[in-house]
Amino acid sequence: MPFTISANKEKGWVEVIHRGLLNIAELNEARVQAAALLAKNSITRILVDTRQADMSELSLTDTFKFTTSHQEALGSVEGLRIASVVRSEDLEASRFSETVARNRGTDARVFLDAAEAMKWLAE
């Protein structure tokens, strides 16, 4: 499993850290596990860090389908916020995902700086 996931109750979010070559199956599995931790811990925030991941294998179609399914997979979490921290070379594709998610009702933002992402999640 090229990702780690944990509930950080002190900070109030679930942390998902991806490493290595990333594919759609791993993104989906991480989201399933994140949803379970959100419910178990009464948390409404997710911090996703892909700075150690290689997203080159993700197609635009995969990204679109994954992002458009956030509401179906996580829609029951009232007040959900998802902050993603990405590498600068992944920013353009990640901004596309952010726009798609927000257009479909998910409060999601993409950041290059982890501290900024954490600040936004804490709001």
Protein backbone atom coordinates (compact mmCIF):
# COMPACT_ATOMS: atom_id res chain seq x y z
CA MET A 1 0.00 0.00 0.00
CA PRO A 2 1.78 3.17 -1.17
CA PHE A 3 -0.14 5.43 1.18
CA THR A 4 -0.49 5.91 4.90
CA ILE A 5 -3.62 7.15 6.58
CA SER A 6 -4.35 8.24 10.12
CA ALA A 7 -6.77 10.31 12.15
CA ASN A 8 -5.14 13.29 13.81
CA LYS A 9 -7.74 14.05 16.47
CA GLU A 10 -5.67 16.86 17.96
CA LYS A 11 -5.63 18.77 14.68
CA GLY A 12 -9.08 17.60 13.64
CA TRP A 13 -8.39 15.91 10.33
CA VAL A 14 -7.60 12.66 8.62
CA GLU A 15 -4.14 12.64 7.04
CA VAL A 16 -3.51 10.72 3.82
CA ILE A 17 0.08 10.59 2.57
CA HIS A 18 0.70 9.07 -0.86
CA ARG A 19 4.12 7.78 -1.94
CA GLY A 20 5.43 6.25 -5.14
CA LEU A 21 3.50 5.62 -8.32
CA LEU A 22 -0.14 6.58 -7.79
CA ASN A 23 -3.05 4.92 -9.58
CA ILE A 24 -6.81 5.27 -9.45
CA ALA A 25 -7.34 2.09 -7.41
CA GLU A 26 -5.09 3.43 -4.65
CA LEU A 27 -6.85 6.79 -4.68
CA ASN A 28 -10.19 5.05 -4.30
CA GLU A 29 -8.94 2.80 -1.51
CA ALA A 30 -7.46 5.76 0.37
CA ARG A 31 -10.78 7.59 0.09
CA VAL A 32 -12.71 4.57 1.42
CA GLN A 33 -10.37 4.35 4.40
CA ALA A 34 -10.53 8.13 4.95
CA ALA A 35 -14.34 8.01 4.96
CA ALA A 36 -14.27 5.28 7.62
CA LEU A 37 -11.90 7.33 9.80
CA LEU A 38 -14.00 10.47 9.36
CA ALA A 39 -17.08 8.61 10.58
CA LYS A 40 -15.31 6.79 13.41
CA ASN A 41 -13.70 9.96 14.79
CA SER A 42 -16.41 12.54 13.98
CA ILE A 43 -13.95 14.49 11.83
CA THR A 44 -14.89 16.58 8.79
CA ARG A 45 -11.48 17.46 7.36
CA ILE A 46 -9.01 15.57 5.15
CA LEU A 47 -5.39 16.55 4.48
CA VAL A 48 -3.99 14.77 1.41
CA ASP A 49 -0.25 14.99 0.71
CA THR A 50 0.95 13.81 -2.71
CA ARG A 51 4.35 15.52 -2.70
CA GLN A 52 6.09 12.12 -2.51
CA ALA A 53 3.87 10.56 -5.17
CA ASP A 54 4.28 10.17 -8.91
CA MET A 55 0.94 11.07 -10.51
CA SER A 56 2.12 10.59 -14.09
CA GLU A 57 0.06 7.42 -14.59
CA LEU A 58 -3.24 9.14 -13.76
CA SER A 59 -5.16 10.06 -16.87
CA LEU A 60 -7.35 13.13 -17.12
CA THR A 61 -10.33 10.77 -17.33
CA ASP A 62 -9.30 8.93 -14.15
CA THR A 63 -8.83 12.22 -12.34
CA PHE A 64 -12.19 13.53 -13.53
CA LYS A 65 -14.09 10.36 -12.54
CA PHE A 66 -12.41 10.21 -9.13
CA THR A 67 -13.08 13.85 -8.37
CA THR A 68 -16.69 13.79 -9.55
CA SER A 69 -17.40 10.84 -7.25
CA HIS A 70 -16.41 12.68 -4.04
CA GLN A 71 -20.01 13.62 -3.27
CA GLU A 72 -21.15 10.03 -3.69
CA ALA A 73 -18.32 8.66 -1.56
CA LEU A 74 -18.13 11.42 1.06
CA GLY A 75 -21.34 13.43 0.69
CA SER A 76 -22.74 12.27 4.01
CA VAL A 77 -19.95 14.15 5.84
CA GLU A 78 -21.49 17.52 6.64
CA GLY A 79 -19.02 20.39 6.44
CA LEU A 80 -16.38 18.29 4.65
CA ARG A 81 -13.19 20.05 3.57
CA ILE A 82 -10.36 18.45 1.60
CA ALA A 83 -6.95 20.10 1.33
CA SER A 84 -4.41 18.59 -1.05
CA VAL A 85 -0.72 19.44 -0.89
CA VAL A 86 1.00 18.83 -4.22
CA ARG A 87 4.32 19.32 -5.99
CA SER A 88 4.61 22.33 -8.27
CA GLU A 89 4.80 20.06 -11.35
CA ASP A 90 1.40 18.59 -10.41
CA LEU A 91 -0.28 21.93 -9.72
CA GLU A 92 -2.03 22.39 -13.07
CA ALA A 93 -3.69 18.95 -13.04
CA SER A 94 -4.54 19.36 -9.37
CA ARG A 95 -6.18 22.74 -10.00
CA PHE A 96 -8.38 20.98 -12.57
CA SER A 97 -9.41 18.47 -9.88
CA GLU A 98 -10.09 21.30 -7.44
CA THR A 99 -12.36 23.05 -9.94
CA VAL A 100 -14.25 19.86 -10.76
CA ALA A 101 -14.72 19.04 -7.06
CA ARG A 102 -15.90 22.53 -6.16
CA ASN A 103 -18.29 22.63 -9.12
CA ARG A 104 -19.86 19.44 -7.78
CA GLY A 105 -20.25 20.67 -4.20
CA THR A 106 -17.08 19.45 -2.49
CA ASP A 107 -15.14 22.08 -0.55
CA ALA A 108 -11.67 21.22 -1.86
CA ARG A 109 -8.51 23.29 -2.28
CA VAL A 110 -5.03 22.59 -3.61
CA PHE A 111 -1.88 23.98 -2.01
CA LEU A 112 1.85 23.92 -2.62
CA ASP A 113 2.53 24.74 1.03
CA ALA A 114 1.46 22.30 3.78
CA ALA A 115 1.21 25.06 6.40
CA GLU A 116 -1.26 26.97 4.23
CA ALA A 117 -3.31 23.81 3.72
CA MET A 118 -3.42 23.16 7.45
CA LYS A 119 -4.41 26.77 8.15
CA TRP A 120 -7.28 26.51 5.67
CA LEU A 121 -8.46 23.21 7.18
CA ALA A 122 -8.45 24.75 10.66
CA GLU A 123 -10.77 27.60 9.63
